[in-house]
Protein backbone atom coordinates (compact mmCIF):
# COMPACT_ATOMS: atom_id res chain seq x y z
CA UNK A 1 23.94 17.94 51.87
CA UNK A 2 22.96 15.29 49.25
CA UNK A 3 26.30 13.28 49.56
CA UNK A 4 25.91 13.36 53.53
CA UNK A 5 22.70 12.10 53.03
CA UNK A 6 23.92 9.36 50.75
CA UNK A 7 26.71 8.52 53.38
CA UNK A 8 24.18 8.29 56.34
CA UNK A 9 21.82 5.86 54.28
CA UNK A 10 24.84 3.96 53.17
CA UNK A 11 25.90 3.55 56.81
CA UNK A 12 22.48 2.60 57.68
CA UNK A 13 22.43 -0.15 55.16
CA UNK A 14 26.02 -1.65 56.01
CA UNK A 15 25.05 -1.79 59.64
CA UNK A 16 21.70 -3.77 58.98
CA UNK A 17 19.91 -1.07 60.94
CA UNK A 18 16.53 -1.28 59.44
CA UNK A 19 14.01 0.10 61.88
CA UNK A 20 16.13 2.98 62.79
CA UNK A 21 15.14 6.56 62.13
CA UNK A 22 17.61 7.20 59.21
CA UNK A 23 16.07 4.42 57.20
CA UNK A 24 12.59 5.81 58.00
CA UNK A 25 13.98 9.27 56.84
CA UNK A 26 15.38 7.49 53.59
CA UNK A 27 12.06 5.89 52.97
CA UNK A 28 10.26 9.18 53.36
CA UNK A 29 12.47 10.91 50.97
CA UNK A 30 12.05 7.90 48.53
CA UNK A 31 8.38 8.46 48.56
CA UNK A 32 8.43 12.36 48.65
CA UNK A 33 7.39 14.23 45.68
CA UNK A 34 10.03 14.80 42.97
CA UNK A 35 11.46 18.02 41.56
CA UNK A 36 10.06 17.53 38.06
CA UNK A 37 7.77 20.46 37.53
CA UNK A 38 6.79 19.21 33.98
CA UNK A 39 6.42 15.81 32.19
CA UNK A 40 9.92 14.36 31.41
CA UNK A 41 11.04 11.91 28.57
CA UNK A 42 13.74 9.61 29.58
CA UNK A 43 15.15 6.86 27.48
CA UNK A 44 16.50 4.02 29.27
CA UNK A 45 18.84 2.13 26.62
CA UNK A 46 18.82 -1.60 26.64
CA UNK A 47 21.55 -3.12 29.03
CA UNK A 48 21.48 -0.41 31.31
CA UNK A 49 22.42 -1.20 34.84
CA UNK A 50 21.04 0.29 38.06
CA UNK A 51 23.63 2.95 38.35
CA UNK A 52 23.41 4.03 34.93
CA UNK A 53 19.59 4.53 35.13
CA UNK A 54 19.87 6.45 38.52
CA UNK A 55 22.38 8.77 37.13
CA UNK A 56 20.18 9.37 33.86
CA UNK A 57 17.08 10.15 36.32
CA UNK A 58 19.14 12.78 38.22
CA UNK A 59 20.75 14.29 35.02
CA UNK A 60 17.07 14.57 33.59
CA UNK A 61 15.79 16.30 36.82
CA UNK A 62 13.59 13.34 37.39
CA UNK A 63 14.90 12.89 41.15
CA UNK A 64 17.23 14.83 43.36
CA UNK A 65 19.47 12.12 44.40
CA UNK A 66 20.90 9.08 42.49
CA UNK A 67 22.46 7.53 45.22
CA UNK A 68 19.26 7.16 47.32
CA UNK A 69 17.36 5.93 44.52
CA UNK A 70 20.17 3.31 43.77
CA UNK A 71 20.25 2.53 47.53
CA UNK A 72 16.65 2.07 48.27
CA UNK A 73 15.99 0.13 44.88
CA UNK A 74 18.65 -2.16 46.01
CA UNK A 75 17.28 -2.68 49.59
CA UNK A 76 13.82 -3.75 47.94
CA UNK A 77 15.89 -6.19 45.53
CA UNK A 78 14.36 -4.43 42.48
CA UNK A 79 17.56 -3.45 40.57
CA UNK A 80 17.28 -6.47 38.07
CA UNK A 81 13.49 -5.81 37.27
CA UNK A 82 13.84 -2.49 35.46
CA UNK A 83 13.10 -2.44 32.19
CA UNK A 84 14.72 -0.64 28.95
CA UNK A 85 12.50 2.04 27.17
CA UNK A 86 11.48 5.53 26.69
CA UNK A 87 9.38 6.62 29.66
CA UNK A 88 7.24 9.59 30.55
CA UNK A 89 7.79 10.73 34.15
CA UNK A 90 4.83 12.76 35.58
CA UNK A 91 5.58 16.12 37.06
CA UNK A 92 6.22 15.42 40.71
CA UNK A 93 6.69 11.65 40.51
CA UNK A 94 8.55 10.35 43.54
CA UNK A 95 11.29 7.86 43.25
CA UNK A 96 8.88 5.24 44.44
CA UNK A 97 6.60 6.29 41.43
CA UNK A 98 9.51 6.13 38.95
CA UNK A 99 10.87 2.63 40.43
CA UNK A 100 7.22 1.39 39.92
CA UNK A 101 7.10 2.71 36.32
CA UNK A 102 10.67 1.34 35.33
CA UNK A 103 9.20 -2.23 36.89
CA UNK A 104 6.15 -1.94 34.79
CA UNK A 105 7.77 -1.53 31.54
CA UNK A 106 4.92 0.98 30.56
CA UNK A 107 6.99 3.04 27.86
CA UNK A 108 5.81 5.85 25.88
CA UNK A 109 3.68 4.79 22.91
CA UNK A 110 4.10 6.90 19.94
CA UNK A 111 1.62 6.85 16.87
CA UNK A 112 1.66 7.45 13.23
CA UNK A 113 -1.28 8.23 11.28
CA UNK A 114 -1.89 6.63 7.64
CA UNK A 115 -4.88 8.54 5.90
CA UNK A 116 -7.05 6.46 3.63
CA UNK A 117 -6.43 6.66 -0.08
CA UNK A 118 -2.64 7.32 0.02
CA UNK A 119 -0.13 5.23 -2.07
CA UNK A 120 2.71 3.16 -1.21
CA UNK A 121 5.17 5.60 -1.87
CA UNK A 122 3.24 8.12 0.25
CA UNK A 123 3.11 5.88 3.12
CA UNK A 124 6.65 5.14 2.91
CA UNK A 125 7.33 8.54 2.99
CA UNK A 126 5.36 8.99 6.35
CA UNK A 127 7.00 6.18 8.02
CA UNK A 128 10.26 7.54 6.88
CA UNK A 129 9.67 10.92 8.54
CA UNK A 130 8.63 9.05 11.96
CA UNK A 131 12.16 9.87 13.38
CA UNK A 132 11.61 7.21 16.43
CA UNK A 133 11.18 4.56 14.10
CA UNK A 134 14.36 2.61 12.98
CA UNK A 135 15.80 0.95 9.80
CA UNK A 136 14.91 1.09 6.19
CA UNK A 137 12.00 -0.26 4.30
CA UNK A 138 13.40 -2.97 2.03
CA UNK A 139 10.52 -3.22 -0.20
CA UNK A 140 7.72 -0.84 -1.42
CA UNK A 141 4.65 -2.66 -0.34
CA UNK A 142 1.99 -3.57 -2.81
CA UNK A 143 -0.67 -1.04 -3.26
CA UNK A 144 -3.88 -1.86 -1.42
CA UNK A 145 -2.31 -4.43 1.01
CA UNK A 146 -1.82 -1.97 4.02
CA UNK A 147 -4.69 -0.76 6.24
CA UNK A 148 -4.81 2.91 6.75
CA UNK A 149 -5.34 3.70 10.54
CA UNK A 150 -3.58 5.12 13.34
CA UNK A 151 -0.64 2.86 14.52
CA UNK A 152 1.08 2.96 18.07
CA UNK A 153 4.67 1.72 18.36
CA UNK A 154 7.53 2.29 20.73
CA UNK A 155 10.77 4.23 20.29
CA UNK A 156 13.13 1.97 18.22
CA UNK A 157 10.68 -0.27 16.52
CA UNK A 158 11.54 -0.86 13.17
CA UNK A 159 9.61 0.64 9.88
CA UNK A 160 9.56 -2.79 8.64
CA UNK A 161 7.69 -4.10 11.89
CA UNK A 162 5.11 -1.44 11.44
CA UNK A 163 4.51 -2.33 7.71
CA UNK A 164 4.03 -5.94 8.74
CA UNK A 165 1.15 -4.96 11.06
CA UNK A 166 -0.51 -2.90 8.53
CA UNK A 167 -0.33 -5.67 6.05
CA UNK A 168 -1.96 -8.03 8.51
CA UNK A 169 -4.40 -5.60 9.44
CA UNK A 170 -5.49 -5.18 5.78
CA UNK A 171 -5.46 -8.84 5.02
CA UNK A 172 -7.73 -9.11 8.31
CA UNK A 173 -10.25 -6.73 7.13
CA UNK A 174 -10.69 -8.05 3.64
CA UNK A 175 -10.93 -11.61 4.85
CA UNK A 176 -13.83 -10.52 7.30
CA UNK A 177 -15.63 -8.47 4.93
CA UNK A 178 -15.25 -10.73 1.78
CA UNK A 179 -17.28 -13.28 3.80
CA UNK A 180 -19.97 -10.83 3.97
CA UNK A 181 -20.08 -9.69 0.45
CA UNK A 182 -23.11 -9.22 -1.92
CA UNK A 183 -23.98 -11.84 -4.31
CA UNK A 184 -23.38 -11.51 -8.09
CA UNK A 185 -20.62 -9.06 -7.90
CA UNK A 186 -18.83 -8.41 -11.24
CA UNK A 187 -15.48 -9.54 -9.98
CA UNK A 188 -14.05 -12.92 -8.33
CA UNK A 189 -11.14 -12.19 -6.15
CA UNK A 190 -10.09 -10.06 -3.12
CA UNK A 191 -7.33 -8.28 -5.01
CA UNK A 192 -10.06 -7.04 -7.58
CA UNK A 193 -12.11 -5.90 -4.63
CA UNK A 194 -9.24 -3.95 -3.18
CA UNK A 195 -8.50 -2.58 -6.67
CA UNK A 196 -12.15 -1.14 -6.96
CA UNK A 197 -12.29 -0.17 -3.49
CA UNK A 198 -8.96 1.95 -3.85
CA UNK A 199 -10.73 3.67 -6.58
CA UNK A 200 -13.97 4.42 -4.77
CA UNK A 201 -11.70 5.51 -1.98
CA UNK A 202 -10.04 8.09 -4.28
CA UNK A 203 -13.35 9.13 -6.00
CA UNK A 204 -14.92 10.36 -2.89
CA UNK A 205 -14.33 11.35 0.79
CA UNK A 206 -18.03 11.67 1.43
CA UNK A 207 -18.98 8.54 3.65
CA UNK A 208 -22.62 8.77 3.03
CA UNK A 209 -21.99 8.29 -0.67
CA UNK A 210 -19.19 5.44 -1.02
CA UNK A 211 -21.70 2.76 -1.34
CA UNK A 212 -23.67 4.85 -4.20
CA UNK A 213 -20.25 5.43 -5.91
CA UNK A 214 -19.40 1.86 -5.77
CA UNK A 215 -22.86 1.19 -6.98
CA UNK A 216 -22.03 3.27 -10.19
CA UNK A 217 -18.95 1.31 -10.71
CA UNK A 218 -20.57 -2.13 -10.23
CA UNK A 219 -23.38 -1.10 -12.65
CA UNK A 220 -20.74 -0.10 -15.26
CA UNK A 221 -18.64 -3.29 -14.90
CA UNK A 222 -21.92 -5.28 -15.22
CA UNK A 223 -22.93 -3.50 -18.59
CA UNK A 224 -19.49 -3.62 -19.74
CA UNK A 225 -18.78 0.16 -19.51
CA UNK A 226 -15.21 1.46 -18.96
CA UNK A 227 -15.30 3.14 -15.42
CA UNK A 228 -13.62 6.30 -16.70
CA UNK A 229 -12.28 7.27 -13.55
CA UNK A 230 -9.84 10.27 -13.09
CA UNK A 231 -7.85 8.81 -10.31
CA UNK A 232 -6.97 6.12 -12.28
CA UNK A 233 -5.82 8.46 -15.13
CA UNK A 234 -3.59 10.31 -12.43
CA UNK A 235 -2.20 7.01 -11.13
CA UNK A 236 -1.31 5.59 -14.82
CA UNK A 237 0.22 8.97 -15.63
CA UNK A 238 2.22 9.74 -12.44
CA UNK A 239 2.14 6.21 -10.60
CA UNK A 240 2.36 6.52 -6.84
CA UNK A 241 3.92 9.89 -6.65
CA UNK A 242 0.68 11.72 -7.61
CA UNK A 243 0.08 14.34 -10.10
CA UNK A 244 1.19 18.04 -9.47
CA UNK A 245 -1.04 19.58 -12.31
CA UNK A 246 -4.89 19.10 -13.62
CA UNK A 247 -5.59 16.35 -15.89
CA UNK A 248 -5.02 17.09 -19.62
CA UNK A 249 -6.82 15.59 -22.33
CA UNK A 250 -3.66 13.90 -23.48
CA UNK A 251 -3.63 12.04 -20.24
CA UNK A 252 -7.27 10.72 -20.85
CA UNK A 253 -6.05 9.15 -23.88
CA UNK A 254 -2.73 8.02 -22.79
CA UNK A 255 -2.48 4.12 -23.38
CA UNK A 256 -1.46 2.56 -20.08
CA UNK A 257 -2.78 -0.20 -18.01
CA UNK A 258 -4.37 2.07 -15.18
CA UNK A 259 -6.11 4.46 -17.37
CA UNK A 260 -9.81 3.45 -17.18
CA UNK A 261 -10.94 5.72 -20.20
CA UNK A 262 -8.99 3.49 -22.48
CA UNK A 263 -8.93 0.04 -20.88
CA UNK A 264 -11.74 -2.36 -20.20
CA UNK A 265 -12.57 -3.45 -16.64
CA UNK A 266 -10.63 -2.95 -13.63
CA UNK A 267 -6.81 -1.87 -13.78
CA UNK A 268 -4.09 -4.73 -12.87
CA UNK A 269 -3.70 -3.53 -9.15
CA UNK A 270 -5.19 -1.18 -6.68
CA UNK A 271 -3.94 2.51 -7.15
CA UNK A 272 -4.11 3.36 -3.35
CA UNK A 273 -4.72 1.87 0.17
CA UNK A 274 -8.51 1.78 0.64
CA UNK A 275 -9.91 2.04 4.33
CA UNK A 276 -12.44 -0.50 5.66
CA UNK A 277 -15.32 1.85 4.78
CA UNK A 278 -14.28 1.93 1.15
CA UNK A 279 -13.78 -1.92 1.10
CA UNK A 280 -17.19 -2.53 2.80
CA UNK A 281 -18.86 -0.28 0.30
CA UNK A 282 -17.18 -2.22 -2.62
CA UNK A 283 -18.25 -5.40 -1.40
CA UNK A 284 -22.00 -4.29 -0.38
CA UNK A 285 -22.52 -1.63 -2.90
CA UNK A 286 -25.83 0.51 -2.80
CA UNK A 287 -28.59 -0.71 -5.24
CA UNK A 288 -28.79 2.11 -7.76
CA UNK A 289 -29.65 2.74 -11.25
CA UNK A 290 -27.07 5.56 -11.81
CA UNK A 291 -24.16 4.84 -14.31
CA UNK A 292 -22.43 8.53 -13.87
CA UNK A 293 -21.39 11.19 -11.32
CA UNK A 294 -19.72 14.29 -11.31
CA UNK A 295 -18.67 16.93 -8.48
CA UNK A 296 -21.50 19.16 -7.63
CA UNK A 297 -19.45 21.99 -5.83
CA UNK A 298 -20.39 21.12 -2.35
CA UNK A 299 -17.74 18.39 -2.17
CA UNK A 300 -19.83 15.52 -2.99
CA UNK A 301 -21.42 14.26 -6.18
CA UNK A 302 -24.40 14.49 -8.60
CA UNK A 303 -25.30 11.29 -9.84
CA UNK A 304 -27.19 10.50 -13.16
CA UNK A 305 -28.94 7.46 -14.86
CA UNK A 306 -28.57 8.93 -18.37
CA UNK A 307 -25.74 10.32 -20.36
CA UNK A 308 -28.10 13.23 -21.20
CA UNK A 309 -28.55 13.95 -17.30
CA UNK A 310 -24.95 13.30 -16.60
CA UNK A 311 -24.09 16.07 -19.43
CA UNK A 312 -26.37 18.46 -17.86
CA UNK A 313 -24.53 17.76 -14.29
CA UNK A 314 -21.26 18.56 -15.96
CA UNK A 315 -22.20 21.75 -17.62
CA UNK A 316 -23.43 22.73 -14.12
CA UNK A 317 -20.22 21.75 -12.69
CA UNK A 318 -18.11 23.51 -15.25
CA UNK A 319 -20.18 26.81 -14.61
CA UNK A 320 -19.35 26.53 -10.84
CA UNK A 321 -15.42 25.93 -11.77
CA UNK A 322 -15.86 29.31 -14.08
CA UNK A 323 -17.52 31.11 -11.17
CA UNK A 324 -14.76 30.04 -8.73
CA UNK A 325 -12.04 31.01 -11.21
CA UNK A 326 -13.30 34.59 -11.58
């Protein structure tokens, strides 16, 4: 029946009959709901001609008659305006709907989410796991240079292209926020700001205390105190791969460029990729008299102005840890 319909439509076209019943019947079928019962994804490779596209649509179950789709598309002189890419065909989409979609170029947008506080190696692993991206990442990006966000991409986009967008986004963020920074910060460059922001990012996931954590580190830098940040110890020992065990006393004494228990000031580079909120907190820290903080058992931190107060908070935290262990 399909081939008979195709033959009849062909005869109409060849005879130049545009106002007859067969033409209108073909047009009606072209605009009728399609066979797809659920959403379908179809990939139109670059360079595909109308014949190949029509056959792909029929094979995927998006249309019932490739010949009718091809012939009406030719009548409409739309064959050369179809764009390659990966498309989602809606349930019941007609041939007319599908033609409009292929003309629009509104391809499926994939997404990849990069959480705040990941290292370059961890971000590269996420991108390598996104199977709709293509190509290899030639060089591991510098720590701190990528903006953690959700990125949309189309099938076939290169991983390097996504890295490029992430790098441009982070540069735009630091440029914007740098101009709004507080006065008299104890660092001079955007790179140093990103370094401290990466430490703030790793120290707390509680948005309400980021600026206070940043304020503690700012106070310590101003006073010439070592930052004594555990995340820098982890990075110094394990690099971007992370540590799969608790920090040891020997780690705290390990002499490397990132261990802020043994070095003065900031590490030479960021230890992760901070998000916008951590950068903003670092450039506009809370005005606080605190010099210390430790976990409080609720997911946040207990802050202290003096070492004696801090030691009491540490003892309380160790008691909580012991109770949990039991």
